[in-house]
Amino acid sequence: MRSKREAAGSQGFIVFVIVLSAFFILVCTMVFGSIRTSAASADVPYKYYTSIRIQAGDTLWDIADTYCSPEYDTVSDYIEEICSINRLSSGDEIHSGQYIMVPYYSQEYLK
């Protein structure tokens, strides 16, 4: 039979292992969680809008060539969004001197 001293010693050791394991898990979570968070935030593009002035000869396709990015499935999807933002129907023409809002994506976070 084990003595009370041996039983208390083994219980103390078990408590020590549990506390040490919990501390290790906490440290790993903080270290690896912050690495994952900083890496993920660098990959996220932010969506912005800017107003542009239409120049003579500009078309929505020309604007899409300049501002459309891989976040859009197709150039047509991008042009549809421009039309929606500016309340243009698909048959509406844009005119020199007119201002329209266009969306764009950037990795830079602007405040």
Protein backbone atom coordinates (compact mmCIF):
# COMPACT_ATOMS: atom_id res chain seq x y z
CA MET A 1 0.00 0.00 0.00
CA ARG A 2 1.06 3.52 -0.71
CA SER A 3 1.55 5.96 2.07
CA LYS A 4 -0.34 9.24 2.30
CA ARG A 5 2.84 11.08 1.40
CA GLU A 6 3.27 9.08 -1.83
CA ALA A 7 -0.40 9.62 -2.77
CA ALA A 8 -0.14 13.38 -2.16
CA GLY A 9 3.08 13.51 -4.19
CA SER A 10 1.54 11.78 -7.19
CA GLN A 11 -1.56 14.01 -7.01
CA GLY A 12 0.70 17.06 -6.87
CA PHE A 13 2.58 15.80 -9.91
CA ILE A 14 -0.69 15.28 -11.83
CA VAL A 15 -1.83 18.81 -10.95
CA PHE A 16 1.56 20.16 -12.03
CA VAL A 17 1.33 18.36 -15.40
CA ILE A 18 -2.22 19.65 -15.96
CA VAL A 19 -1.23 23.26 -15.13
CA LEU A 20 1.88 23.01 -17.30
CA SER A 21 -0.17 21.59 -20.20
CA ALA A 22 -2.77 24.36 -19.88
CA PHE A 23 -0.02 26.99 -19.86
CA PHE A 24 1.59 25.43 -22.95
CA ILE A 25 -1.75 25.39 -24.80
CA LEU A 26 -2.41 29.02 -23.85
CA VAL A 27 1.02 30.16 -25.06
CA CYS A 28 0.72 28.25 -28.34
CA THR A 29 -2.75 29.68 -28.95
CA MET A 30 -1.51 33.23 -28.43
CA VAL A 31 1.62 32.80 -30.58
CA PHE A 32 0.10 30.88 -33.47
CA GLY A 33 -3.19 32.80 -33.32
CA SER A 34 -1.42 36.13 -33.74
CA ILE A 35 0.66 34.80 -36.64
CA ARG A 36 -2.46 33.51 -38.38
CA THR A 37 -4.32 36.77 -37.75
CA SER A 38 -1.55 38.96 -39.15
CA ALA A 39 -1.10 36.73 -42.17
CA ALA A 40 -4.81 36.62 -42.93
CA SER A 41 -5.29 40.36 -42.63
CA ALA A 42 -2.51 40.97 -45.17
CA ASP A 43 -4.33 38.83 -47.75
CA VAL A 44 -7.72 40.52 -47.46
CA PRO A 45 -8.39 43.15 -50.12
CA TYR A 46 -10.55 46.09 -49.05
CA LYS A 47 -13.30 47.41 -51.30
CA TYR A 48 -13.39 51.14 -51.96
CA TYR A 49 -15.24 53.52 -54.24
CA THR A 50 -13.92 56.51 -56.10
CA SER A 51 -15.49 59.15 -58.30
CA ILE A 52 -14.05 59.52 -61.78
CA ARG A 53 -14.71 62.09 -64.48
CA ILE A 54 -15.62 60.66 -67.87
CA GLN A 55 -13.32 61.76 -70.66
CA ALA A 56 -14.34 62.06 -74.32
CA GLY A 57 -14.47 58.61 -75.89
CA ASP A 58 -14.59 56.70 -72.56
CA THR A 59 -16.79 53.62 -72.35
CA LEU A 60 -17.74 51.43 -69.40
CA TRP A 61 -15.48 48.76 -70.90
CA ASP A 62 -12.52 51.20 -70.84
CA ILE A 63 -13.24 51.97 -67.19
CA ALA A 64 -13.51 48.25 -66.44
CA ASP A 65 -10.11 47.69 -68.07
CA THR A 66 -8.64 50.21 -65.63
CA TYR A 67 -10.44 49.34 -62.38
CA CYS A 68 -11.72 45.75 -62.64
CA SER A 69 -9.78 43.27 -60.52
CA PRO A 70 -9.74 39.50 -59.91
CA GLU A 71 -12.37 39.88 -57.16
CA TYR A 72 -14.96 40.02 -59.97
CA ASP A 73 -15.84 36.87 -61.88
CA THR A 74 -16.21 38.71 -65.18
CA VAL A 75 -15.85 42.21 -66.63
CA SER A 76 -19.61 42.14 -67.23
CA ASP A 77 -20.17 41.65 -63.46
CA TYR A 78 -18.00 44.69 -62.79
CA ILE A 79 -19.89 46.81 -65.34
CA GLU A 80 -23.21 45.67 -63.84
CA GLU A 81 -22.01 46.92 -60.44
CA ILE A 82 -21.01 50.29 -61.92
CA CYS A 83 -24.46 50.57 -63.51
CA SER A 84 -26.15 49.65 -60.23
CA ILE A 85 -24.13 52.14 -58.16
CA ASN A 86 -24.78 54.96 -60.63
CA ARG A 87 -28.38 54.00 -61.45
CA LEU A 88 -27.60 53.43 -65.10
CA SER A 89 -29.55 50.97 -67.19
CA SER A 90 -27.53 48.73 -69.48
CA GLY A 91 -28.46 50.90 -72.49
CA ASP A 92 -27.47 54.20 -70.87
CA GLU A 93 -24.46 55.95 -72.31
CA ILE A 94 -21.90 57.85 -70.32
CA HIS A 95 -20.90 61.34 -71.47
CA SER A 96 -17.75 63.44 -71.33
CA GLY A 97 -17.67 65.55 -68.17
CA GLN A 98 -20.02 63.23 -66.28
CA TYR A 99 -18.85 61.88 -62.90
CA ILE A 100 -19.53 58.28 -61.91
CA MET A 101 -18.62 56.16 -58.90
CA VAL A 102 -16.53 53.05 -59.53
CA PRO A 103 -15.55 50.29 -57.10
CA TYR A 104 -12.00 49.07 -56.73
CA TYR A 105 -10.08 46.79 -54.38
CA SER A 106 -6.83 47.50 -52.58
CA GLN A 107 -4.64 45.58 -50.12
CA GLU A 108 -3.99 48.86 -48.33
CA TYR A 109 -6.34 49.73 -45.48
CA LEU A 110 -7.34 53.37 -45.76
CA LYS A 111 -8.72 55.15 -42.72
